[in-house]
Amino acid sequence: MKSRHPLHDRAGKLRNNLTDAERCLWQHLRNSQIEGVKFRRQQPIEMYIVDFVSFDKRIVIELDEGQHAEAERRDQQRDACLAMNGFSVLRFWNNEVFENLTGVLEIIRQRCL
């Protein structure tokens, strides 16, 4: 039997408490709506929980509210860890999801091709 990831329970709680931006984007990612690519939300990878991931395409999508220098350093470490595991990271600001959802979805679609 496969053992559960140590962040499994935390990821489950995050899935039940999506931010408004995550909820908005999830409505377009769920059920393989973009180029037939399956995305999962709030999934543990290594020591991180990513907002959205396609394991088939090795794409991680992260949404950010606002940042200061410390958060930017953490994001760089996180992105480096994910890259070492074969994932490319698409990072969007929450306001991009609300103000330019079509553009965000097109960038994701292009990466899925």
PDB file of N, CA and C in Angstrom:
ATOM      1  N   MET A   1       0.837  -1.177   0.000  1.00  0.00           N
ATOM      2  CA  MET A   1       0.000   0.000   0.000  1.00  0.00           C
ATOM      3  C   MET A   1       0.883   1.243   0.000  1.00  0.00           C
ATOM      4  N   LYS A   2       0.533   2.200  -0.833  1.00  0.00           N
ATOM      5  CA  LYS A   2       1.312   3.426  -0.947  1.00  0.00           C
ATOM      6  C   LYS A   2       1.092   4.297   0.291  1.00  0.00           C
ATOM      7  N   SER A   3       2.193   4.815   0.834  1.00  0.00           N
ATOM      8  CA  SER A   3       2.059   5.664   2.017  1.00  0.00           C
ATOM      9  C   SER A   3       1.609   7.066   1.614  1.00  0.00           C
ATOM     10  N   ARG A   4       0.904   7.704   2.514  1.00  0.00           N
ATOM     11  CA  ARG A   4       0.403   9.054   2.254  1.00  0.00           C
ATOM     12  C   ARG A   4       1.517  10.069   2.419  1.00  0.00           C
ATOM     13  N   HIS A   5       1.457  11.088   1.605  1.00  0.00           N
ATOM     14  CA  HIS A   5       2.416  12.188   1.702  1.00  0.00           C
ATOM     15  C   HIS A   5       2.162  12.904   3.028  1.00  0.00           C
ATOM     16  N   PRO A   6       3.233  13.349   3.710  1.00  0.00           N
ATOM     17  CA  PRO A   6       3.050  14.025   5.000  1.00  0.00           C
ATOM     18  C   PRO A   6       2.186  15.295   4.919  1.00  0.00           C
ATOM     19  N   LEU A   7       2.094  15.903   3.751  1.00  0.00           N
ATOM     20  CA  LEU A   7       1.283  17.119   3.595  1.00  0.00           C
ATOM     21  C   LEU A   7      -0.125  16.831   3.080  1.00  0.00           C
ATOM     22  N   HIS A   8      -0.489  15.555   2.983  1.00  0.00           N
ATOM     23  CA  HIS A   8      -1.782  15.155   2.424  1.00  0.00           C
ATOM     24  C   HIS A   8      -2.956  15.835   3.144  1.00  0.00           C
ATOM     25  N   ASP A   9      -2.984  15.794   4.451  1.00  0.00           N
ATOM     26  CA  ASP A   9      -4.101  16.370   5.213  1.00  0.00           C
ATOM     27  C   ASP A   9      -4.172  17.882   5.029  1.00  0.00           C
ATOM     28  N   ARG A  10      -3.016  18.539   5.071  1.00  0.00           N
ATOM     29  CA  ARG A  10      -2.974  19.998   4.878  1.00  0.00           C
ATOM     30  C   ARG A  10      -3.473  20.367   3.487  1.00  0.00           C
ATOM     31  N   ALA A  11      -3.068  19.594   2.473  1.00  0.00           N
ATOM     32  CA  ALA A  11      -3.514  19.847   1.103  1.00  0.00           C
ATOM     33  C   ALA A  11      -5.034  19.710   0.998  1.00  0.00           C
ATOM     34  N   GLY A  12      -5.590  18.728   1.669  1.00  0.00           N
ATOM     35  CA  GLY A  12      -7.041  18.541   1.671  1.00  0.00           C
ATOM     36  C   GLY A  12      -7.766  19.733   2.261  1.00  0.00           C
ATOM     37  N   LYS A  13      -7.230  20.281   3.333  1.00  0.00           N
ATOM     38  CA  LYS A  13      -7.838  21.469   3.946  1.00  0.00           C
ATOM     39  C   LYS A  13      -7.762  22.653   2.993  1.00  0.00           C
ATOM     40  N   LEU A  14      -6.636  22.796   2.305  1.00  0.00           N
ATOM     41  CA  LEU A  14      -6.495  23.901   1.346  1.00  0.00           C
ATOM     42  C   LEU A  14      -7.461  23.740   0.174  1.00  0.00           C
ATOM     43  N   ARG A  15      -7.705  22.505  -0.259  1.00  0.00           N
ATOM     44  CA  ARG A  15      -8.664  22.270  -1.353  1.00  0.00           C
ATOM     45  C   ARG A  15     -10.058  22.723  -0.953  1.00  0.00           C
ATOM     46  N   ASN A  16     -10.366  22.610   0.311  1.00  0.00           N
ATOM     47  CA  ASN A  16     -11.691  23.008   0.796  1.00  0.00           C
ATOM     48  C   ASN A  16     -11.786  24.496   1.098  1.00  0.00           C
ATOM     49  N   ASN A  17     -10.668  25.211   1.020  1.00  0.00           N
ATOM     50  CA  ASN A  17     -10.649  26.639   1.349  1.00  0.00           C
ATOM     51  C   ASN A  17      -9.873  27.427   0.296  1.00  0.00           C
ATOM     52  N   LEU A  18     -10.264  27.272  -0.973  1.00  0.00           N
ATOM     53  CA  LEU A  18      -9.584  27.975  -2.052  1.00  0.00           C
ATOM     54  C   LEU A  18      -9.792  29.482  -1.919  1.00  0.00           C
ATOM     55  N   THR A  19      -8.793  30.234  -2.376  1.00  0.00           N
ATOM     56  CA  THR A  19      -8.960  31.686  -2.446  1.00  0.00           C
ATOM     57  C   THR A  19      -9.920  31.989  -3.603  1.00  0.00           C
ATOM     58  N   ASP A  20     -10.392  33.220  -3.678  1.00  0.00           N
ATOM     59  CA  ASP A  20     -11.294  33.590  -4.767  1.00  0.00           C
ATOM     60  C   ASP A  20     -10.614  33.408  -6.127  1.00  0.00           C
ATOM     61  N   ALA A  21      -9.338  33.786  -6.223  1.00  0.00           N
ATOM     62  CA  ALA A  21      -8.608  33.649  -7.486  1.00  0.00           C
ATOM     63  C   ALA A  21      -8.436  32.171  -7.849  1.00  0.00           C
ATOM     64  N   GLU A  22      -8.099  31.333  -6.870  1.00  0.00           N
ATOM     65  CA  GLU A  22      -7.951  29.898  -7.125  1.00  0.00           C
ATOM     66  C   GLU A  22      -9.280  29.296  -7.574  1.00  0.00           C
ATOM     67  N   ARG A  23     -10.360  29.684  -6.920  1.00  0.00           N
ATOM     68  CA  ARG A  23     -11.693  29.164  -7.268  1.00  0.00           C
ATOM     69  C   ARG A  23     -12.049  29.562  -8.707  1.00  0.00           C
ATOM     70  N   CYS A  24     -11.763  30.818  -9.067  1.00  0.00           N
ATOM     71  CA  CYS A  24     -12.054  31.316 -10.414  1.00  0.00           C
ATOM     72  C   CYS A  24     -11.271  30.521 -11.461  1.00  0.00           C
ATOM     73  N   LEU A  25      -9.961  30.359 -11.247  1.00  0.00           N
ATOM     74  CA  LEU A  25      -9.144  29.636 -12.211  1.00  0.00           C
ATOM     75  C   LEU A  25      -9.528  28.159 -12.262  1.00  0.00           C
ATOM     76  N   TRP A  26      -9.835  27.572 -11.118  1.00  0.00           N
ATOM     77  CA  TRP A  26     -10.189  26.154 -11.069  1.00  0.00           C
ATOM     78  C   TRP A  26     -11.416  25.856 -11.934  1.00  0.00           C
ATOM     79  N   GLN A  27     -12.345  26.802 -12.017  1.00  0.00           N
ATOM     80  CA  GLN A  27     -13.535  26.598 -12.843  1.00  0.00           C
ATOM     81  C   GLN A  27     -13.171  26.351 -14.309  1.00  0.00           C
ATOM     82  N   HIS A  28     -11.990  26.811 -14.736  1.00  0.00           N
ATOM     83  CA  HIS A  28     -11.553  26.659 -16.124  1.00  0.00           C
ATOM     84  C   HIS A  28     -10.537  25.526 -16.306  1.00  0.00           C
ATOM     85  N   LEU A  29      -9.926  25.083 -15.205  1.00  0.00           N
ATOM     86  CA  LEU A  29      -8.936  24.009 -15.281  1.00  0.00           C
ATOM     87  C   LEU A  29      -9.559  22.628 -15.047  1.00  0.00           C
ATOM     88  N   ARG A  30     -10.603  22.591 -14.259  1.00  0.00           N
ATOM     89  CA  ARG A  30     -11.181  21.311 -13.863  1.00  0.00           C
ATOM     90  C   ARG A  30     -11.785  20.578 -15.055  1.00  0.00           C
ATOM     91  N   ASN A  31     -11.923  19.294 -14.918  1.00  0.00           N
ATOM     92  CA  ASN A  31     -12.533  18.424 -15.937  1.00  0.00           C
ATOM     93  C   ASN A  31     -11.817  18.498 -17.284  1.00  0.00           C
ATOM     94  N   SER A  32     -10.501  18.716 -17.251  1.00  0.00           N
ATOM     95  CA  SER A  32      -9.667  18.687 -18.472  1.00  0.00           C
ATOM     96  C   SER A  32     -10.176  19.630 -19.554  1.00  0.00           C
ATOM     97  N   GLN A  33     -10.589  20.837 -19.158  1.00  0.00           N
ATOM     98  CA  GLN A  33     -11.166  21.789 -20.108  1.00  0.00           C
ATOM     99  C   GLN A  33     -10.134  22.431 -21.036  1.00  0.00           C
ATOM    100  N   ILE A  34      -8.874  22.479 -20.636  1.00  0.00           N
ATOM    101  CA  ILE A  34      -7.849  23.110 -21.464  1.00  0.00           C
ATOM    102  C   ILE A  34      -7.063  22.016 -22.184  1.00  0.00           C
ATOM    103  N   GLU A  35      -7.294  21.915 -23.484  1.00  0.00           N
ATOM    104  CA  GLU A  35      -6.577  20.959 -24.339  1.00  0.00           C
ATOM    105  C   GLU A  35      -6.620  19.522 -23.812  1.00  0.00           C
ATOM    106  N   GLY A  36      -7.663  19.183 -23.058  1.00  0.00           N
ATOM    107  CA  GLY A  36      -7.804  17.830 -22.541  1.00  0.00           C
ATOM    108  C   GLY A  36      -6.820  17.469 -21.438  1.00  0.00           C
ATOM    109  N   VAL A  37      -6.147  18.476 -20.885  1.00  0.00           N
ATOM    110  CA  VAL A  37      -5.118  18.233 -19.865  1.00  0.00           C
ATOM    111  C   VAL A  37      -5.764  18.224 -18.483  1.00  0.00           C
ATOM    112  N   LYS A  38      -5.464  17.175 -17.726  1.00  0.00           N
ATOM    113  CA  LYS A  38      -5.997  17.049 -16.370  1.00  0.00           C
ATOM    114  C   LYS A  38      -5.125  17.824 -15.395  1.00  0.00           C
ATOM    115  N   PHE A  39      -5.759  18.706 -14.640  1.00  0.00           N
ATOM    116  CA  PHE A  39      -5.093  19.424 -13.560  1.00  0.00           C
ATOM    117  C   PHE A  39      -5.676  18.984 -12.227  1.00  0.00           C
ATOM    118  N   ARG A  40      -4.846  19.013 -11.217  1.00  0.00           N
ATOM    119  CA  ARG A  40      -5.267  18.777  -9.839  1.00  0.00           C
ATOM    120  C   ARG A  40      -4.985  20.043  -9.049  1.00  0.00           C
ATOM    121  N   ARG A  41      -5.741  20.248  -7.999  1.00  0.00           N
ATOM    122  CA  ARG A  41      -5.536  21.446  -7.180  1.00  0.00           C
ATOM    123  C   ARG A  41      -4.963  21.065  -5.827  1.00  0.00           C
ATOM    124  N   GLN A  42      -4.158  21.963  -5.280  1.00  0.00           N
ATOM    125  CA  GLN A  42      -3.570  21.808  -3.948  1.00  0.00           C
ATOM    126  C   GLN A  42      -2.963  20.414  -3.766  1.00  0.00           C
ATOM    127  N   GLN A  43      -1.900  20.157  -4.501  1.00  0.00           N
ATOM    128  CA  GLN A  43      -1.242  18.855  -4.460  1.00  0.00           C
ATOM    129  C   GLN A  43       0.151  18.965  -3.856  1.00  0.00           C
ATOM    130  N   PRO A  44       0.514  18.037  -2.969  1.00  0.00           N
ATOM    131  CA  PRO A  44       1.871  18.042  -2.412  1.00  0.00           C
ATOM    132  C   PRO A  44       2.886  17.507  -3.428  1.00  0.00           C
ATOM    133  N   ILE A  45       3.988  18.230  -3.543  1.00  0.00           N
ATOM    134  CA  ILE A  45       5.138  17.792  -4.327  1.00  0.00           C
ATOM    135  C   ILE A  45       6.360  18.129  -3.482  1.00  0.00           C
ATOM    136  N   GLU A  46       7.146  17.093  -3.166  1.00  0.00           N
ATOM    137  CA  GLU A  46       8.282  17.268  -2.254  1.00  0.00           C
ATOM    138  C   GLU A  46       7.763  17.880  -0.956  1.00  0.00           C
ATOM    139  N   MET A  47       8.323  19.013  -0.539  1.00  0.00           N
ATOM    140  CA  MET A  47       7.911  19.629   0.730  1.00  0.00           C
ATOM    141  C   MET A  47       6.977  20.826   0.513  1.00  0.00           C
ATOM    142  N   TYR A  48       6.376  20.903  -0.664  1.00  0.00           N
ATOM    143  CA  TYR A  48       5.503  22.027  -1.002  1.00  0.00           C
ATOM    144  C   TYR A  48       4.118  21.528  -1.385  1.00  0.00           C
ATOM    145  N   ILE A  49       3.142  22.423  -1.239  1.00  0.00           N
ATOM    146  CA  ILE A  49       1.810  22.177  -1.769  1.00  0.00           C
ATOM    147  C   ILE A  49       1.616  23.201  -2.876  1.00  0.00           C
ATOM    148  N   VAL A  50       1.432  22.707  -4.100  1.00  0.00           N
ATOM    149  CA  VAL A  50       1.279  23.611  -5.237  1.00  0.00           C
ATOM    150  C   VAL A  50      -0.202  23.888  -5.473  1.00  0.00           C
ATOM    151  N   ASP A  51      -0.502  25.058  -6.037  1.00  0.00           N
ATOM    152  CA  ASP A  51      -1.895  25.435  -6.261  1.00  0.00           C
ATOM    153  C   ASP A  51      -2.564  24.503  -7.267  1.00  0.00           C
ATOM    154  N   PHE A  52      -1.943  24.342  -8.447  1.00  0.00           N
ATOM    155  CA  PHE A  52      -2.487  23.473  -9.486  1.00  0.00           C
ATOM    156  C   PHE A  52      -1.329  22.751 -10.159  1.00  0.00           C
ATOM    157  N   VAL A  53      -1.580  21.512 -10.588  1.00  0.00           N
ATOM    158  CA  VAL A  53      -0.525  20.750 -11.255  1.00  0.00           C
ATOM    159  C   VAL A  53      -1.129  19.812 -12.285  1.00  0.00           C
ATOM    160  N   SER A  54      -0.439  19.701 -13.413  1.00  0.00           N
ATOM    161  CA  SER A  54      -0.700  18.634 -14.368  1.00  0.00           C
ATOM    162  C   SER A  54       0.510  17.715 -14.296  1.00  0.00           C
ATOM    163  N   PHE A  55       0.320  16.511 -13.789  1.00  0.00           N
ATOM    164  CA  PHE A  55       1.420  15.563 -13.693  1.00  0.00           C
ATOM    165  C   PHE A  55       1.813  15.064 -15.089  1.00  0.00           C
ATOM    166  N   ASP A  56       0.839  14.948 -15.982  1.00  0.00           N
ATOM    167  CA  ASP A  56       1.141  14.479 -17.341  1.00  0.00           C
ATOM    168  C   ASP A  56       2.026  15.469 -18.093  1.00  0.00           C
ATOM    169  N   LYS A  57       1.699  16.746 -18.017  1.00  0.00           N
ATOM    170  CA  LYS A  57       2.442  17.780 -18.747  1.00  0.00           C
ATOM    171  C   LYS A  57       3.568  18.393 -17.916  1.00  0.00           C
ATOM    172  N   ARG A  58       3.647  18.010 -16.624  1.00  0.00           N
ATOM    173  CA  ARG A  58       4.701  18.522 -15.723  1.00  0.00           C
ATOM    174  C   ARG A  58       4.634  20.038 -15.596  1.00  0.00           C
ATOM    175  N   ILE A  59       3.403  20.560 -15.438  1.00  0.00           N
ATOM    176  CA  ILE A  59       3.171  21.996 -15.299  1.00  0.00           C
ATOM    177  C   ILE A  59       2.595  22.276 -13.919  1.00  0.00           C
ATOM    178  N   VAL A  60       3.173  23.250 -13.245  1.00  0.00           N
ATOM    179  CA  VAL A  60       2.645  23.739 -11.978  1.00  0.00           C
ATOM    180  C   VAL A  60       2.162  25.174 -12.212  1.00  0.00           C
ATOM    181  N   ILE A  61       0.992  25.494 -11.695  1.00  0.00           N
ATOM    182  CA  ILE A  61       0.464  26.853 -11.765  1.00  0.00           C
ATOM    183  C   ILE A  61       0.353  27.376 -10.343  1.00  0.00           C
ATOM    184  N   GLU A  62       0.972  28.509 -10.113  1.00  0.00           N
ATOM    185  CA  GLU A  62       0.945  29.154  -8.795  1.00  0.00           C
ATOM    186  C   GLU A  62       0.290  30.518  -8.913  1.00  0.00           C
ATOM    187  N   LEU A  63      -0.567  30.855  -7.961  1.00  0.00           N
ATOM    188  CA  LEU A  63      -1.187  32.175  -7.892  1.00  0.00           C
ATOM    189  C   LEU A  63      -0.630  32.904  -6.684  1.00  0.00           C
ATOM    190  N   ASP A  64      -0.271  34.165  -6.892  1.00  0.00           N
ATOM    191  CA  ASP A  64       0.326  34.975  -5.829  1.00  0.00           C
ATOM    192  C   ASP A  64      -0.519  36.198  -5.555  1.00  0.00           C
ATOM    193  N   GLU A  65      -0.658  36.535  -4.276  1.00  0.00           N
ATOM    194  CA  GLU A  65      -1.411  37.726  -3.881  1.00  0.00           C
ATOM    195  C   GLU A  65      -0.546  38.967  -4.007  1.00  0.00           C
ATOM    196  N   GLY A  66       0.511  39.003  -3.311  1.00  0.00           N
ATOM    197  CA  GLY A  66       1.437  40.119  -3.306  1.00  0.00           C
ATOM    198  C   GLY A  66       2.695  39.613  -2.654  1.00  0.00           C
ATOM    199  N   GLN A  67       3.813  40.241  -2.962  1.00  0.00           N
ATOM    200  CA  GLN A  67       5.051  39.687  -2.458  1.00  0.00           C
ATOM    201  C   GLN A  67       5.967  40.748  -1.884  1.00  0.00           C
ATOM    202  N   HIS A  68       6.781  40.283  -0.981  1.00  0.00           N
ATOM    203  CA  HIS A  68       7.903  41.067  -0.496  1.00  0.00           C
ATOM    204  C   HIS A  68       9.150  40.222  -0.722  1.00  0.00           C
ATOM    205  N   ALA A  69      10.305  40.742  -0.415  1.00  0.00           N
ATOM    206  CA  ALA A  69      11.573  40.085  -0.761  1.00  0.00           C
ATOM    207  C   ALA A  69      11.669  38.665  -0.205  1.00  0.00           C
ATOM    208  N   GLU A  70      11.238  38.447   1.025  1.00  0.00           N
ATOM    209  CA  GLU A  70      11.346  37.114   1.631  1.00  0.00           C
ATOM    210  C   GLU A  70      10.494  36.092   0.878  1.00  0.00           C
ATOM    211  N   ALA A  71       9.264  36.476   0.523  1.00  0.00           N
ATOM    212  CA  ALA A  71       8.390  35.563  -0.218  1.00  0.00           C
ATOM    213  C   ALA A  71       8.982  35.276  -1.591  1.00  0.00           C
ATOM    214  N   GLU A  72       9.608  36.264  -2.202  1.00  0.00           N
ATOM    215  CA  GLU A  72      10.219  36.054  -3.515  1.00  0.00           C
ATOM    216  C   GLU A  72      11.355  35.040  -3.426  1.00  0.00           C
ATOM    217  N   ARG A  73      12.152  35.105  -2.364  1.00  0.00           N
ATOM    218  CA  ARG A  73      13.230  34.125  -2.169  1.00  0.00           C
ATOM    219  C   ARG A  73      12.660  32.723  -1.975  1.00  0.00           C
ATOM    220  N   ARG A  74      11.591  32.608  -1.197  1.00  0.00           N
ATOM    221  CA  ARG A  74      10.951  31.301  -0.993  1.00  0.00           C
ATOM    222  C   ARG A  74      10.409  30.758  -2.312  1.00  0.00           C
ATOM    223  N   ASP A  75       9.804  31.638  -3.113  1.00  0.00           N
ATOM    224  CA  ASP A  75       9.279  31.205  -4.413  1.00  0.00           C
ATOM    225  C   ASP A  75      10.403  30.712  -5.309  1.00  0.00           C
ATOM    226  N   GLN A  76      11.547  31.361  -5.279  1.00  0.00           N
ATOM    227  CA  GLN A  76      12.685  30.929  -6.095  1.00  0.00           C
ATOM    228  C   GLN A  76      13.162  29.544  -5.654  1.00  0.00           C
ATOM    229  N   GLN A  77      13.222  29.316  -4.345  1.00  0.00           N
ATOM    230  CA  GLN A  77      13.625  28.002  -3.836  1.00  0.00           C
ATOM    231  C   GLN A  77      12.596  26.942  -4.235  1.00  0.00           C
ATOM    232  N   ARG A  78      11.341  27.279  -4.111  1.00  0.00           N
ATOM    233  CA  ARG A  78      10.256  26.368  -4.468  1.00  0.00           C
ATOM    234  C   ARG A  78      10.331  26.028  -5.954  1.00  0.00           C
ATOM    235  N   ASP A  79      10.493  27.062  -6.803  1.00  0.00           N
ATOM    236  CA  ASP A  79      10.569  26.846  -8.250  1.00  0.00           C
ATOM    237  C   ASP A  79      11.772  25.978  -8.608  1.00  0.00           C
ATOM    238  N   ALA A  80      12.890  26.187  -7.925  1.00  0.00           N
ATOM    239  CA  ALA A  80      14.090  25.381  -8.191  1.00  0.00           C
ATOM    240  C   ALA A  80      13.841  23.917  -7.819  1.00  0.00           C
ATOM    241  N   CYS A  81      13.188  23.680  -6.698  1.00  0.00           N
ATOM    242  CA  CYS A  81      12.858  22.314  -6.276  1.00  0.00           C
ATOM    243  C   CYS A  81      11.929  21.656  -7.288  1.00  0.00           C
ATOM    244  N   LEU A  82      10.915  22.395  -7.724  1.00  0.00           N
ATOM    245  CA  LEU A  82       9.969  21.844  -8.694  1.00  0.00           C
ATOM    246  C   LEU A  82      10.664  21.562 -10.023  1.00  0.00           C
ATOM    247  N   ALA A  83      11.549  22.462 -10.437  1.00  0.00           N
ATOM    248  CA  ALA A  83      12.293  22.249 -11.687  1.00  0.00           C
ATOM    249  C   ALA A  83      13.165  21.001 -11.591  1.00  0.00           C
ATOM    250  N   MET A  84      13.778  20.772 -10.432  1.00  0.00           N
ATOM    251  CA  MET A  84      14.593  19.568 -10.250  1.00  0.00           C
ATOM    252  C   MET A  84      13.744  18.301 -10.364  1.00  0.00           C
ATOM    253  N   ASN A  85      12.448  18.444 -10.125  1.00  0.00           N
ATOM    254  CA  ASN A  85      11.526  17.317 -10.243  1.00  0.00           C
ATOM    255  C   ASN A  85      10.838  17.286 -11.607  1.00  0.00           C
ATOM    256  N   GLY A  86      11.318  18.108 -12.532  1.00  0.00           N
ATOM    257  CA  GLY A  86      10.821  18.070 -13.901  1.00  0.00           C
ATOM    258  C   GLY A  86       9.609  18.929 -14.206  1.00  0.00           C
ATOM    259  N   PHE A  87       9.243  19.822 -13.299  1.00  0.00           N
ATOM    260  CA  PHE A  87       8.073  20.672 -13.505  1.00  0.00           C
ATOM    261  C   PHE A  87       8.484  22.060 -13.974  1.00  0.00           C
ATOM    262  N   SER A  88       7.685  22.627 -14.868  1.00  0.00           N
ATOM    263  CA  SER A  88       7.833  24.051 -15.184  1.00  0.00           C
ATOM    264  C   SER A  88       6.736  24.783 -14.408  1.00  0.00           C
ATOM    265  N   VAL A  89       7.039  25.997 -13.976  1.00  0.00           N
ATOM    266  CA  VAL A  89       6.122  26.741 -13.119  1.00  0.00           C
ATOM    267  C   VAL A  89       5.599  27.960 -13.871  1.00  0.00           C
ATOM    268  N   LEU A  90       4.289  28.095 -13.903  1.00  0.00           N
ATOM    269  CA  LEU A  90       3.632  29.303 -14.388  1.00  0.00           C
ATOM    270  C   LEU A  90       3.123  30.038 -13.164  1.00  0.00           C
ATOM    271  N   ARG A  91       3.516  31.282 -13.019  1.00  0.00           N
ATOM    272  CA  ARG A  91       3.140  32.052 -11.833  1.00  0.00           C
ATOM    273  C   ARG A  91       2.359  33.280 -12.279  1.00  0.00           C
ATOM    274  N   PHE A  92       1.180  33.454 -11.677  1.00  0.00           N
ATOM    275  CA  PHE A  92       0.311  34.587 -12.008  1.00  0.00           C
ATOM    276  C   PHE A  92      -0.070  35.316 -10.725  1.00  0.00           C
ATOM    277  N   TRP A  93      -0.279  36.619 -10.844  1.00  0.00           N
ATOM    278  CA  TRP A  93      -0.820  37.406  -9.743  1.00  0.00           C
ATOM    279  C   TRP A  93      -2.327  37.169  -9.689  1.00  0.00           C
ATOM    280  N   ASN A  94      -2.891  37.223  -8.506  1.00  0.00           N
ATOM    281  CA  ASN A  94      -4.344  37.058  -8.364  1.00  0.00           C
ATOM    282  C   ASN A  94      -5.097  38.056  -9.240  1.00  0.00           C
ATOM    283  N   ASN A  95      -4.624  39.315  -9.264  1.00  0.00           N
ATOM    284  CA  ASN A  95      -5.353  40.321 -10.040  1.00  0.00           C
ATOM    285  C   ASN A  95      -5.325  40.011 -11.543  1.00  0.00           C
ATOM    286  N   GLU A  96      -4.299  39.287 -12.022  1.00  0.00           N
ATOM    287  CA  GLU A  96      -4.287  38.872 -13.429  1.00  0.00           C
ATOM    288  C   GLU A  96      -5.441  37.924 -13.720  1.00  0.00           C
ATOM    289  N   VAL A  97      -5.727  37.037 -12.787  1.00  0.00           N
ATOM    290  CA  VAL A  97      -6.838  36.093 -12.959  1.00  0.00           C
ATOM    291  C   VAL A  97      -8.154  36.861 -13.058  1.00  0.00           C
ATOM    292  N   PHE A  98      -8.320  37.880 -12.230  1.00  0.00           N
ATOM    293  CA  PHE A  98      -9.570  38.644 -12.225  1.00  0.00           C
ATOM    294  C   PHE A  98      -9.667  39.619 -13.386  1.00  0.00           C
ATOM    295  N   GLU A  99      -8.560  40.222 -13.771  1.00  0.00           N
ATOM    296  CA  GLU A  99      -8.593  41.283 -14.774  1.00  0.00           C
ATOM    297  C   GLU A  99      -8.283  40.808 -16.188  1.00  0.00           C
ATOM    298  N   ASN A 100      -7.608  39.659 -16.332  1.00  0.00           N
ATOM    299  CA  ASN A 100      -7.225  39.177 -17.656  1.00  0.00           C
ATOM    300  C   ASN A 100      -7.288  37.651 -17.703  1.00  0.00           C
ATOM    301  N   LEU A 101      -8.402  37.101 -17.308  1.00  0.00           N
ATOM    302  CA  LEU A 101      -8.552  35.644 -17.265  1.00  0.00           C
ATOM    303  C   LEU A 101      -8.308  35.016 -18.632  1.00  0.00           C
ATOM    304  N   THR A 102      -8.783  35.645 -19.694  1.00  0.00           N
ATOM    305  CA  THR A 102      -8.589  35.107 -21.042  1.00  0.00           C
ATOM    306  C   THR A 102      -7.102  34.982 -21.360  1.00  0.00           C
ATOM    307  N   GLY A 103      -6.315  36.000 -21.007  1.00  0.00           N
ATOM    308  CA  GLY A 103      -4.881  35.963 -21.249  1.00  0.00           C
ATOM    309  C   GLY A 103      -4.192  34.882 -20.433  1.00  0.00           C
ATOM    310  N   VAL A 104      -4.574  34.750 -19.171  1.00  0.00           N
ATOM    311  CA  VAL A 104      -4.003  33.718 -18.295  1.00  0.00           C
ATOM    312  C   VAL A 104      -4.302  32.340 -18.864  1.00  0.00           C
ATOM    313  N   LEU A 105      -5.542  32.112 -19.273  1.00  0.00           N
ATOM    314  CA  LEU A 105      -5.924  30.814 -19.825  1.00  0.00           C
ATOM    315  C   LEU A 105      -5.187  30.520 -21.130  1.00  0.00           C
ATOM    316  N   GLU A 106      -4.926  31.546 -21.929  1.00  0.00           N
ATOM    317  CA  GLU A 106      -4.203  31.342 -23.186  1.00  0.00           C
ATOM    318  C   GLU A 106      -2.753  30.944 -22.914  1.00  0.00           C
ATOM    319  N   ILE A 107      -2.126  31.565 -21.933  1.00  0.00           N
ATOM    320  CA  ILE A 107      -0.754  31.192 -21.571  1.00  0.00           C
ATOM    321  C   ILE A 107      -0.712  29.734 -21.108  1.00  0.00           C
ATOM    322  N   ILE A 108      -1.673  29.346 -20.287  1.00  0.00           N
ATOM    323  CA  ILE A 108      -1.745  27.958 -19.812  1.00  0.00           C
ATOM    324  C   ILE A 108      -1.980  27.016 -20.993  1.00  0.00           C
ATOM    325  N   ARG A 109      -2.912  27.392 -21.876  1.00  0.00           N
ATOM    326  CA  ARG A 109      -3.202  26.556 -23.039  1.00  0.00           C
ATOM    327  C   ARG A 109      -1.963  26.359 -23.899  1.00  0.00           C
ATOM    328  N   GLN A 110      -1.228  27.433 -24.152  1.00  0.00           N
ATOM    329  CA  GLN A 110      -0.005  27.337 -24.968  1.00  0.00           C
ATOM    330  C   GLN A 110       1.017  26.393 -24.326  1.00  0.00           C
ATOM    331  N   ARG A 111       1.145  26.455 -23.007  1.00  0.00           N
ATOM    332  CA  ARG A 111       2.107  25.590 -22.322  1.00  0.00           C
ATOM    333  C   ARG A 111       1.662  24.131 -22.371  1.00  0.00           C
ATOM    334  N   CYS A 112       0.351  23.917 -22.453  1.00  0.00           N
ATOM    335  CA  CYS A 112      -0.170  22.544 -22.500  1.00  0.00           C
ATOM    336  C   CYS A 112       0.044  21.878 -23.864  1.00  0.00           C
ATOM    337  N   LEU A 113       0.213  22.679 -24.897  1.00  0.00           N
ATOM    338  CA  LEU A 113       0.366  22.112 -26.254  1.00  0.00           C
ATOM    339  C   LEU A 113       1.668  21.408 -26.457  1.00  0.00           C
TER     340      LEU A 113
END
